[in-house]
Amino acid sequence: PIWSRWAALAVAALLLAGTVQGLIEVASPKALVDTT
């Protein structure tokens, strides 16, 4: 149960940080599909 809470927090951090970083690095929906 303790590990499950840790994992949930870690995954939430991954999702939040990944979303923010993706918005900064991609900048536009078009670049999401038009670039490598």
PDB file of all heavy atoms in Angstrom:
ATOM      1  N   PRO A   1       0.813  -1.231   0.000  1.00  0.00           N
ATOM      2  CA  PRO A   1       0.000   0.000   0.000  1.00  0.00           C
ATOM      3  C   PRO A   1       0.843   1.277   0.000  1.00  0.00           C
ATOM      4  O   PRO A   1       0.499   2.254  -0.667  1.00  0.00           O
ATOM      5  CB  PRO A   1      -0.823  -0.126   1.288  1.00  0.00           C
ATOM      6  CG  PRO A   1      -0.893  -1.598   1.550  1.00  0.00           C
ATOM      7  CD  PRO A   1       0.442  -2.130   1.124  1.00  0.00           C
ATOM      8  N   ILE A   2       1.959   1.245   0.748  1.00  0.00           N
ATOM      9  CA  ILE A   2       2.833   2.427   0.758  1.00  0.00           C
ATOM     10  C   ILE A   2       3.448   2.632  -0.618  1.00  0.00           C
ATOM     11  O   ILE A   2       3.474   3.738  -1.161  1.00  0.00           O
ATOM     12  CB  ILE A   2       3.932   2.278   1.828  1.00  0.00           C
ATOM     13  CG1 ILE A   2       3.308   2.131   3.214  1.00  0.00           C
ATOM     14  CG2 ILE A   2       4.889   3.464   1.790  1.00  0.00           C
ATOM     15  CD1 ILE A   2       4.323   1.827   4.299  1.00  0.00           C
ATOM     16  N   TRP A   3       3.954   1.529  -1.192  1.00  0.00           N
ATOM     17  CA  TRP A   3       4.552   1.622  -2.528  1.00  0.00           C
ATOM     18  C   TRP A   3       3.526   2.094  -3.557  1.00  0.00           C
ATOM     19  O   TRP A   3       3.855   2.887  -4.447  1.00  0.00           O
ATOM     20  CB  TRP A   3       5.142   0.281  -2.950  1.00  0.00           C
ATOM     21  CG  TRP A   3       5.364   0.234  -4.439  1.00  0.00           C
ATOM     22  CD1 TRP A   3       4.692  -0.498  -5.360  1.00  0.00           C
ATOM     23  CD2 TRP A   3       6.305   1.015  -5.177  1.00  0.00           C
ATOM     24  NE1 TRP A   3       5.144  -0.238  -6.621  1.00  0.00           N
ATOM     25  CE2 TRP A   3       6.141   0.696  -6.539  1.00  0.00           C
ATOM     26  CE3 TRP A   3       7.255   1.962  -4.821  1.00  0.00           C
ATOM     27  CZ2 TRP A   3       6.899   1.280  -7.544  1.00  0.00           C
ATOM     28  CZ3 TRP A   3       8.025   2.554  -5.829  1.00  0.00           C
ATOM     29  CH2 TRP A   3       7.851   2.207  -7.162  1.00  0.00           C
ATOM     30  N   SER A   4       2.302   1.633  -3.433  1.00  0.00           N
ATOM     31  CA  SER A   4       1.266   2.036  -4.381  1.00  0.00           C
ATOM     32  C   SER A   4       1.048   3.548  -4.348  1.00  0.00           C
ATOM     33  O   SER A   4       0.888   4.193  -5.396  1.00  0.00           O
ATOM     34  CB  SER A   4      -0.033   1.302  -4.072  1.00  0.00           C
ATOM     35  OG  SER A   4      -1.039   1.630  -5.006  1.00  0.00           O
ATOM     36  N   ARG A   5       1.060   4.133  -3.143  1.00  0.00           N
ATOM     37  CA  ARG A   5       0.914   5.592  -3.041  1.00  0.00           C
ATOM     38  C   ARG A   5       2.123   6.305  -3.644  1.00  0.00           C
ATOM     39  O   ARG A   5       1.981   7.317  -4.337  1.00  0.00           O
ATOM     40  CB  ARG A   5       0.713   6.006  -1.580  1.00  0.00           C
ATOM     41  CG  ARG A   5      -0.652   5.613  -1.010  1.00  0.00           C
ATOM     42  CD  ARG A   5      -0.912   6.313   0.321  1.00  0.00           C
ATOM     43  NE  ARG A   5      -0.018   5.847   1.371  1.00  0.00           N
ATOM     44  CZ  ARG A   5      -0.255   4.793   2.149  1.00  0.00           C
ATOM     45  NH1 ARG A   5      -1.358   4.071   1.987  1.00  0.00           N
ATOM     46  NH2 ARG A   5       0.598   4.446   3.097  1.00  0.00           N
ATOM     47  N   TRP A   6       3.319   5.791  -3.380  1.00  0.00           N
ATOM     48  CA  TRP A   6       4.522   6.372  -3.972  1.00  0.00           C
ATOM     49  C   TRP A   6       4.451   6.337  -5.494  1.00  0.00           C
ATOM     50  O   TRP A   6       4.771   7.322  -6.165  1.00  0.00           O
ATOM     51  CB  TRP A   6       5.755   5.603  -3.514  1.00  0.00           C
ATOM     52  CG  TRP A   6       6.169   5.859  -2.100  1.00  0.00           C
ATOM     53  CD1 TRP A   6       5.501   6.584  -1.161  1.00  0.00           C
ATOM     54  CD2 TRP A   6       7.353   5.379  -1.487  1.00  0.00           C
ATOM     55  NE1 TRP A   6       6.189   6.587   0.011  1.00  0.00           N
ATOM     56  CE2 TRP A   6       7.339   5.859  -0.144  1.00  0.00           C
ATOM     57  CE3 TRP A   6       8.421   4.607  -1.891  1.00  0.00           C
ATOM     58  CZ2 TRP A   6       8.359   5.578   0.748  1.00  0.00           C
ATOM     59  CZ3 TRP A   6       9.443   4.320  -1.002  1.00  0.00           C
ATOM     60  CH2 TRP A   6       9.406   4.797   0.304  1.00  0.00           C
ATOM     61  N   ALA A   7       4.068   5.179  -6.024  1.00  0.00           N
ATOM     62  CA  ALA A   7       4.002   5.027  -7.477  1.00  0.00           C
ATOM     63  C   ALA A   7       2.986   5.994  -8.075  1.00  0.00           C
ATOM     64  O   ALA A   7       3.220   6.586  -9.134  1.00  0.00           O
ATOM     65  CB  ALA A   7       3.660   3.585  -7.842  1.00  0.00           C
ATOM     66  N   ALA A   8       1.835   6.145  -7.389  1.00  0.00           N
ATOM     67  CA  ALA A   8       0.813   7.061  -7.900  1.00  0.00           C
ATOM     68  C   ALA A   8       1.336   8.497  -7.934  1.00  0.00           C
ATOM     69  O   ALA A   8       1.105   9.234  -8.896  1.00  0.00           O
ATOM     70  CB  ALA A   8      -0.443   6.974  -7.034  1.00  0.00           C
ATOM     71  N   LEU A   9       2.065   8.899  -6.878  1.00  0.00           N
ATOM     72  CA  LEU A   9       2.633  10.245  -6.852  1.00  0.00           C
ATOM     73  C   LEU A   9       3.691  10.414  -7.943  1.00  0.00           C
ATOM     74  O   LEU A   9       3.757  11.455  -8.606  1.00  0.00           O
ATOM     75  CB  LEU A   9       3.249  10.527  -5.481  1.00  0.00           C
ATOM     76  CG  LEU A   9       2.259  10.731  -4.326  1.00  0.00           C
ATOM     77  CD1 LEU A   9       2.999  10.825  -2.994  1.00  0.00           C
ATOM     78  CD2 LEU A   9       1.435  12.008  -4.558  1.00  0.00           C
ATOM     79  N   ALA A  10       4.521   9.379  -8.128  1.00  0.00           N
ATOM     80  CA  ALA A  10       5.568   9.454  -9.154  1.00  0.00           C
ATOM     81  C   ALA A  10       4.958   9.565 -10.543  1.00  0.00           C
ATOM     82  O   ALA A  10       5.418  10.353 -11.383  1.00  0.00           O
ATOM     83  CB  ALA A  10       6.482   8.235  -9.062  1.00  0.00           C
ATOM     84  N   VAL A  11       3.919   8.780 -10.804  1.00  0.00           N
ATOM     85  CA  VAL A  11       3.261   8.828 -12.110  1.00  0.00           C
ATOM     86  C   VAL A  11       2.581  10.178 -12.318  1.00  0.00           C
ATOM     87  O   VAL A  11       2.621  10.753 -13.417  1.00  0.00           O
ATOM     88  CB  VAL A  11       2.251   7.674 -12.246  1.00  0.00           C
ATOM     89  CG1 VAL A  11       1.387   7.851 -13.490  1.00  0.00           C
ATOM     90  CG2 VAL A  11       2.991   6.338 -12.315  1.00  0.00           C
ATOM     91  N   ALA A  12       1.947  10.700 -11.271  1.00  0.00           N
ATOM     92  CA  ALA A  12       1.324  12.023 -11.383  1.00  0.00           C
ATOM     93  C   ALA A  12       2.371  13.093 -11.703  1.00  0.00           C
ATOM     94  O   ALA A  12       2.132  13.983 -12.531  1.00  0.00           O
ATOM     95  CB  ALA A  12       0.595  12.370 -10.086  1.00  0.00           C
ATOM     96  N   ALA A  13       3.537  12.994 -11.059  1.00  0.00           N
ATOM     97  CA  ALA A  13       4.620  13.942 -11.347  1.00  0.00           C
ATOM     98  C   ALA A  13       5.095  13.797 -12.789  1.00  0.00           C
ATOM     99  O   ALA A  13       5.363  14.805 -13.473  1.00  0.00           O
ATOM    100  CB  ALA A  13       5.780  13.711 -10.376  1.00  0.00           C
ATOM    101  N   LEU A  14       5.204  12.549 -13.249  1.00  0.00           N
ATOM    102  CA  LEU A  14       5.600  12.315 -14.642  1.00  0.00           C
ATOM    103  C   LEU A  14       4.617  12.940 -15.617  1.00  0.00           C
ATOM    104  O   LEU A  14       5.010  13.595 -16.588  1.00  0.00           O
ATOM    105  CB  LEU A  14       5.699  10.809 -14.905  1.00  0.00           C
ATOM    106  CG  LEU A  14       6.967  10.097 -14.465  1.00  0.00           C
ATOM    107  CD1 LEU A  14       6.769   8.591 -14.539  1.00  0.00           C
ATOM    108  CD2 LEU A  14       8.133  10.504 -15.349  1.00  0.00           C
ATOM    109  N   LEU A  15       3.333  12.737 -15.369  1.00  0.00           N
ATOM    110  CA  LEU A  15       2.309  13.261 -16.273  1.00  0.00           C
ATOM    111  C   LEU A  15       2.314  14.785 -16.285  1.00  0.00           C
ATOM    112  O   LEU A  15       2.271  15.415 -17.354  1.00  0.00           O
ATOM    113  CB  LEU A  15       0.934  12.747 -15.853  1.00  0.00           C
ATOM    114  CG  LEU A  15       0.631  11.282 -16.161  1.00  0.00           C
ATOM    115  CD1 LEU A  15      -0.694  10.863 -15.524  1.00  0.00           C
ATOM    116  CD2 LEU A  15       0.581  11.044 -17.670  1.00  0.00           C
ATOM    117  N   LEU A  16       2.353  15.395 -15.092  1.00  0.00           N
ATOM    118  CA  LEU A  16       2.319  16.849 -15.016  1.00  0.00           C
ATOM    119  C   LEU A  16       3.564  17.465 -15.653  1.00  0.00           C
ATOM    120  O   LEU A  16       3.469  18.379 -16.484  1.00  0.00           O
ATOM    121  CB  LEU A  16       2.205  17.287 -13.555  1.00  0.00           C
ATOM    122  CG  LEU A  16       2.191  18.807 -13.313  1.00  0.00           C
ATOM    123  CD1 LEU A  16       1.010  19.452 -14.022  1.00  0.00           C
ATOM    124  CD2 LEU A  16       2.151  19.104 -11.816  1.00  0.00           C
ATOM    125  N   ALA A  17       4.735  16.953 -15.271  1.00  0.00           N
ATOM    126  CA  ALA A  17       5.975  17.505 -15.812  1.00  0.00           C
ATOM    127  C   ALA A  17       6.074  17.266 -17.311  1.00  0.00           C
ATOM    128  O   ALA A  17       6.500  18.144 -18.070  1.00  0.00           O
ATOM    129  CB  ALA A  17       7.178  16.879 -15.092  1.00  0.00           C
ATOM    130  N   GLY A  18       5.682  16.068 -17.752  1.00  0.00           N
ATOM    131  CA  GLY A  18       5.740  15.769 -19.185  1.00  0.00           C
ATOM    132  C   GLY A  18       4.810  16.660 -19.990  1.00  0.00           C
ATOM    133  O   GLY A  18       5.142  17.087 -21.102  1.00  0.00           O
ATOM    134  N   THR A  19       3.629  16.955 -19.441  1.00  0.00           N
ATOM    135  CA  THR A  19       2.680  17.830 -20.141  1.00  0.00           C
ATOM    136  C   THR A  19       3.234  19.238 -20.288  1.00  0.00           C
ATOM    137  O   THR A  19       3.197  19.837 -21.371  1.00  0.00           O
ATOM    138  CB  THR A  19       1.339  17.872 -19.385  1.00  0.00           C
ATOM    139  OG1 THR A  19       0.795  16.549 -19.317  1.00  0.00           O
ATOM    140  CG2 THR A  19       0.353  18.776 -20.103  1.00  0.00           C
ATOM    141  N   VAL A  20       3.779  19.788 -19.189  1.00  0.00           N
ATOM    142  CA  VAL A  20       4.338  21.141 -19.237  1.00  0.00           C
ATOM    143  C   VAL A  20       5.514  21.209 -20.204  1.00  0.00           C
ATOM    144  O   VAL A  20       5.608  22.108 -21.048  1.00  0.00           O
ATOM    145  CB  VAL A  20       4.766  21.596 -17.828  1.00  0.00           C
ATOM    146  CG1 VAL A  20       5.491  22.943 -17.893  1.00  0.00           C
ATOM    147  CG2 VAL A  20       3.568  21.679 -16.909  1.00  0.00           C
ATOM    148  N   GLN A  21       6.409  20.233 -20.106  1.00  0.00           N
ATOM    149  CA  GLN A  21       7.581  20.235 -20.987  1.00  0.00           C
ATOM    150  C   GLN A  21       7.179  20.051 -22.440  1.00  0.00           C
ATOM    151  O   GLN A  21       7.743  20.674 -23.339  1.00  0.00           O
ATOM    152  CB  GLN A  21       8.563  19.127 -20.567  1.00  0.00           C
ATOM    153  CG  GLN A  21       9.914  19.209 -21.249  1.00  0.00           C
ATOM    154  CD  GLN A  21      10.729  20.411 -20.810  1.00  0.00           C
ATOM    155  OE1 GLN A  21      10.256  21.246 -20.052  1.00  0.00           O
ATOM    156  NE2 GLN A  21      11.944  20.518 -21.297  1.00  0.00           N
ATOM    157  N   GLY A  22       6.172  19.201 -22.690  1.00  0.00           N
ATOM    158  CA  GLY A  22       5.699  19.005 -24.054  1.00  0.00           C
ATOM    159  C   GLY A  22       5.130  20.279 -24.645  1.00  0.00           C
ATOM    160  O   GLY A  22       5.373  20.611 -25.808  1.00  0.00           O
ATOM    161  N   LEU A  23       4.366  21.024 -23.842  1.00  0.00           N
ATOM    162  CA  LEU A  23       3.798  22.282 -24.326  1.00  0.00           C
ATOM    163  C   LEU A  23       4.897  23.277 -24.681  1.00  0.00           C
ATOM    164  O   LEU A  23       4.788  24.019 -25.671  1.00  0.00           O
ATOM    165  CB  LEU A  23       2.875  22.881 -23.255  1.00  0.00           C
ATOM    166  CG  LEU A  23       1.557  22.133 -23.016  1.00  0.00           C
ATOM    167  CD1 LEU A  23       0.824  22.735 -21.817  1.00  0.00           C
ATOM    168  CD2 LEU A  23       0.666  22.197 -24.259  1.00  0.00           C
ATOM    169  N   ILE A  24       5.973  23.283 -23.897  1.00  0.00           N
ATOM    170  CA  ILE A  24       7.062  24.224 -24.162  1.00  0.00           C
ATOM    171  C   ILE A  24       7.856  23.817 -25.395  1.00  0.00           C
ATOM    172  O   ILE A  24       8.161  24.636 -26.263  1.00  0.00           O
ATOM    173  CB  ILE A  24       7.993  24.324 -22.933  1.00  0.00           C
ATOM    174  CG1 ILE A  24       7.249  24.963 -21.759  1.00  0.00           C
ATOM    175  CG2 ILE A  24       9.247  25.120 -23.258  1.00  0.00           C
ATOM    176  CD1 ILE A  24       8.035  24.950 -20.462  1.00  0.00           C
ATOM    177  N   GLU A  25       8.202  22.521 -25.496  1.00  0.00           N
ATOM    178  CA  GLU A  25       9.082  22.072 -26.567  1.00  0.00           C
ATOM    179  C   GLU A  25       8.366  21.913 -27.905  1.00  0.00           C
ATOM    180  O   GLU A  25       8.987  22.036 -28.962  1.00  0.00           O
ATOM    181  CB  GLU A  25       9.758  20.742 -26.178  1.00  0.00           C
ATOM    182  CG  GLU A  25      10.674  20.831 -24.966  1.00  0.00           C
ATOM    183  CD  GLU A  25      11.898  21.690 -25.215  1.00  0.00           C
ATOM    184  OE1 GLU A  25      12.121  22.090 -26.368  1.00  0.00           O
ATOM    185  OE2 GLU A  25      12.625  21.975 -24.252  1.00  0.00           O
ATOM    186  N   VAL A  26       7.058  21.623 -27.884  1.00  0.00           N
ATOM    187  CA  VAL A  26       6.328  21.407 -29.138  1.00  0.00           C
ATOM    188  C   VAL A  26       5.752  22.717 -29.660  1.00  0.00           C
ATOM    189  O   VAL A  26       5.810  23.002 -30.858  1.00  0.00           O
ATOM    190  CB  VAL A  26       5.216  20.354 -28.949  1.00  0.00           C
ATOM    191  CG1 VAL A  26       4.382  20.217 -30.211  1.00  0.00           C
ATOM    192  CG2 VAL A  26       5.841  19.009 -28.584  1.00  0.00           C
ATOM    193  N   ALA A  27       5.168  23.505 -28.791  1.00  0.00           N
ATOM    194  CA  ALA A  27       4.703  24.870 -29.095  1.00  0.00           C
ATOM    195  C   ALA A  27       3.413  24.928 -29.898  1.00  0.00           C
ATOM    196  O   ALA A  27       2.622  25.840 -29.731  1.00  0.00           O
ATOM    197  CB  ALA A  27       5.794  25.681 -29.804  1.00  0.00           C
ATOM    198  N   SER A  28       3.147  23.980 -30.800  1.00  0.00           N
ATOM    199  CA  SER A  28       1.925  24.037 -31.610  1.00  0.00           C
ATOM    200  C   SER A  28       1.475  22.633 -31.972  1.00  0.00           C
ATOM    201  O   SER A  28       2.300  21.728 -32.120  1.00  0.00           O
ATOM    202  CB  SER A  28       2.155  24.852 -32.882  1.00  0.00           C
ATOM    203  OG  SER A  28       2.995  24.159 -33.772  1.00  0.00           O
ATOM    204  N   PRO A  29       0.151  22.415 -32.135  1.00  0.00           N
ATOM    205  CA  PRO A  29      -0.340  21.089 -32.530  1.00  0.00           C
ATOM    206  C   PRO A  29       0.232  20.626 -33.860  1.00  0.00           C
ATOM    207  O   PRO A  29       0.488  19.434 -34.065  1.00  0.00           O
ATOM    208  CB  PRO A  29      -1.861  21.287 -32.603  1.00  0.00           C
ATOM    209  CG  PRO A  29      -2.143  22.462 -31.728  1.00  0.00           C
ATOM    210  CD  PRO A  29      -0.955  23.358 -31.856  1.00  0.00           C
ATOM    211  N   LYS A  30       0.446  21.559 -34.784  1.00  0.00           N
ATOM    212  CA  LYS A  30       0.983  21.186 -36.097  1.00  0.00           C
ATOM    213  C   LYS A  30       2.384  20.596 -35.980  1.00  0.00           C
ATOM    214  O   LYS A  30       2.733  19.621 -36.646  1.00  0.00           O
ATOM    215  CB  LYS A  30       1.007  22.421 -37.001  1.00  0.00           C
ATOM    216  CG  LYS A  30       1.301  22.119 -38.468  1.00  0.00           C
ATOM    217  CD  LYS A  30       1.159  23.387 -39.302  1.00  0.00           C
ATOM    218  CE  LYS A  30       1.270  23.070 -40.798  1.00  0.00           C
ATOM    219  NZ  LYS A  30       2.550  22.476 -41.164  1.00  0.00           N
ATOM    220  N   ALA A  31       3.203  21.184 -35.088  1.00  0.00           N
ATOM    221  CA  ALA A  31       4.564  20.684 -34.901  1.00  0.00           C
ATOM    222  C   ALA A  31       4.573  19.288 -34.295  1.00  0.00           C
ATOM    223  O   ALA A  31       5.539  18.543 -34.449  1.00  0.00           O
ATOM    224  CB  ALA A  31       5.355  21.645 -34.010  1.00  0.00           C
ATOM    225  N   LEU A  32       3.489  18.927 -33.628  1.00  0.00           N
ATOM    226  CA  LEU A  32       3.409  17.604 -33.010  1.00  0.00           C
ATOM    227  C   LEU A  32       3.388  16.498 -34.051  1.00  0.00           C
ATOM    228  O   LEU A  32       3.864  15.384 -33.804  1.00  0.00           O
ATOM    229  CB  LEU A  32       2.160  17.523 -32.129  1.00  0.00           C
ATOM    230  CG  LEU A  32       2.073  16.366 -31.125  1.00  0.00           C
ATOM    231  CD1 LEU A  32       3.206  16.439 -30.117  1.00  0.00           C
ATOM    232  CD2 LEU A  32       0.736  16.384 -30.416  1.00  0.00           C
ATOM    233  N   VAL A  33       2.844  16.778 -35.231  1.00  0.00           N
ATOM    234  CA  VAL A  33       2.755  15.758 -36.286  1.00  0.00           C
ATOM    235  C   VAL A  33       3.699  16.024 -37.442  1.00  0.00           C
ATOM    236  O   VAL A  33       3.987  15.119 -38.226  1.00  0.00           O
ATOM    237  CB  VAL A  33       1.304  15.648 -36.818  1.00  0.00           C
ATOM    238  CG1 VAL A  33       0.373  15.153 -35.737  1.00  0.00           C
ATOM    239  CG2 VAL A  33       0.814  16.997 -37.348  1.00  0.00           C
ATOM    240  N   ASP A  34       4.207  17.252 -37.561  1.00  0.00           N
ATOM    241  CA  ASP A  34       5.048  17.601 -38.703  1.00  0.00           C
ATOM    242  C   ASP A  34       6.537  17.475 -38.437  1.00  0.00           C
ATOM    243  O   ASP A  34       7.341  17.647 -39.356  1.00  0.00           O
ATOM    244  CB  ASP A  34       4.755  19.043 -39.156  1.00  0.00           C
ATOM    245  CG  ASP A  34       3.420  19.172 -39.868  1.00  0.00           C
ATOM    246  OD1 ASP A  34       2.814  18.114 -40.155  1.00  0.00           O
ATOM    247  OD2 ASP A  34       2.977  20.309 -40.118  1.00  0.00           O
ATOM    248  N   THR A  35       6.932  17.205 -37.191  1.00  0.00           N
ATOM    249  CA  THR A  35       8.351  17.132 -36.855  1.00  0.00           C
ATOM    250  C   THR A  35       8.686  15.771 -36.267  1.00  0.00           C
ATOM    251  O   THR A  35       7.829  15.079 -35.708  1.00  0.00           O
ATOM    252  CB  THR A  35       8.742  18.219 -35.846  1.00  0.00           C
ATOM    253  OG1 THR A  35       8.064  17.988 -34.604  1.00  0.00           O
ATOM    254  CG2 THR A  35       8.374  19.609 -36.358  1.00  0.00           C
ATOM    255  N   THR A  36       9.961  15.394 -36.398  1.00  0.00           N
ATOM    256  CA  THR A  36      10.423  14.122 -35.820  1.00  0.00           C
ATOM    257  C   THR A  36      10.247  14.126 -34.306  1.00  0.00           C
ATOM    258  O   THR A  36       9.813  13.131 -33.714  1.00  0.00           O
ATOM    259  CB  THR A  36      11.904  13.896 -36.171  1.00  0.00           C
ATOM    260  OG1 THR A  36      12.046  13.860 -37.591  1.00  0.00           O
ATOM    261  CG2 THR A  36      12.403  12.580 -35.587  1.00  0.00           C
TER     262      THR A  36
END
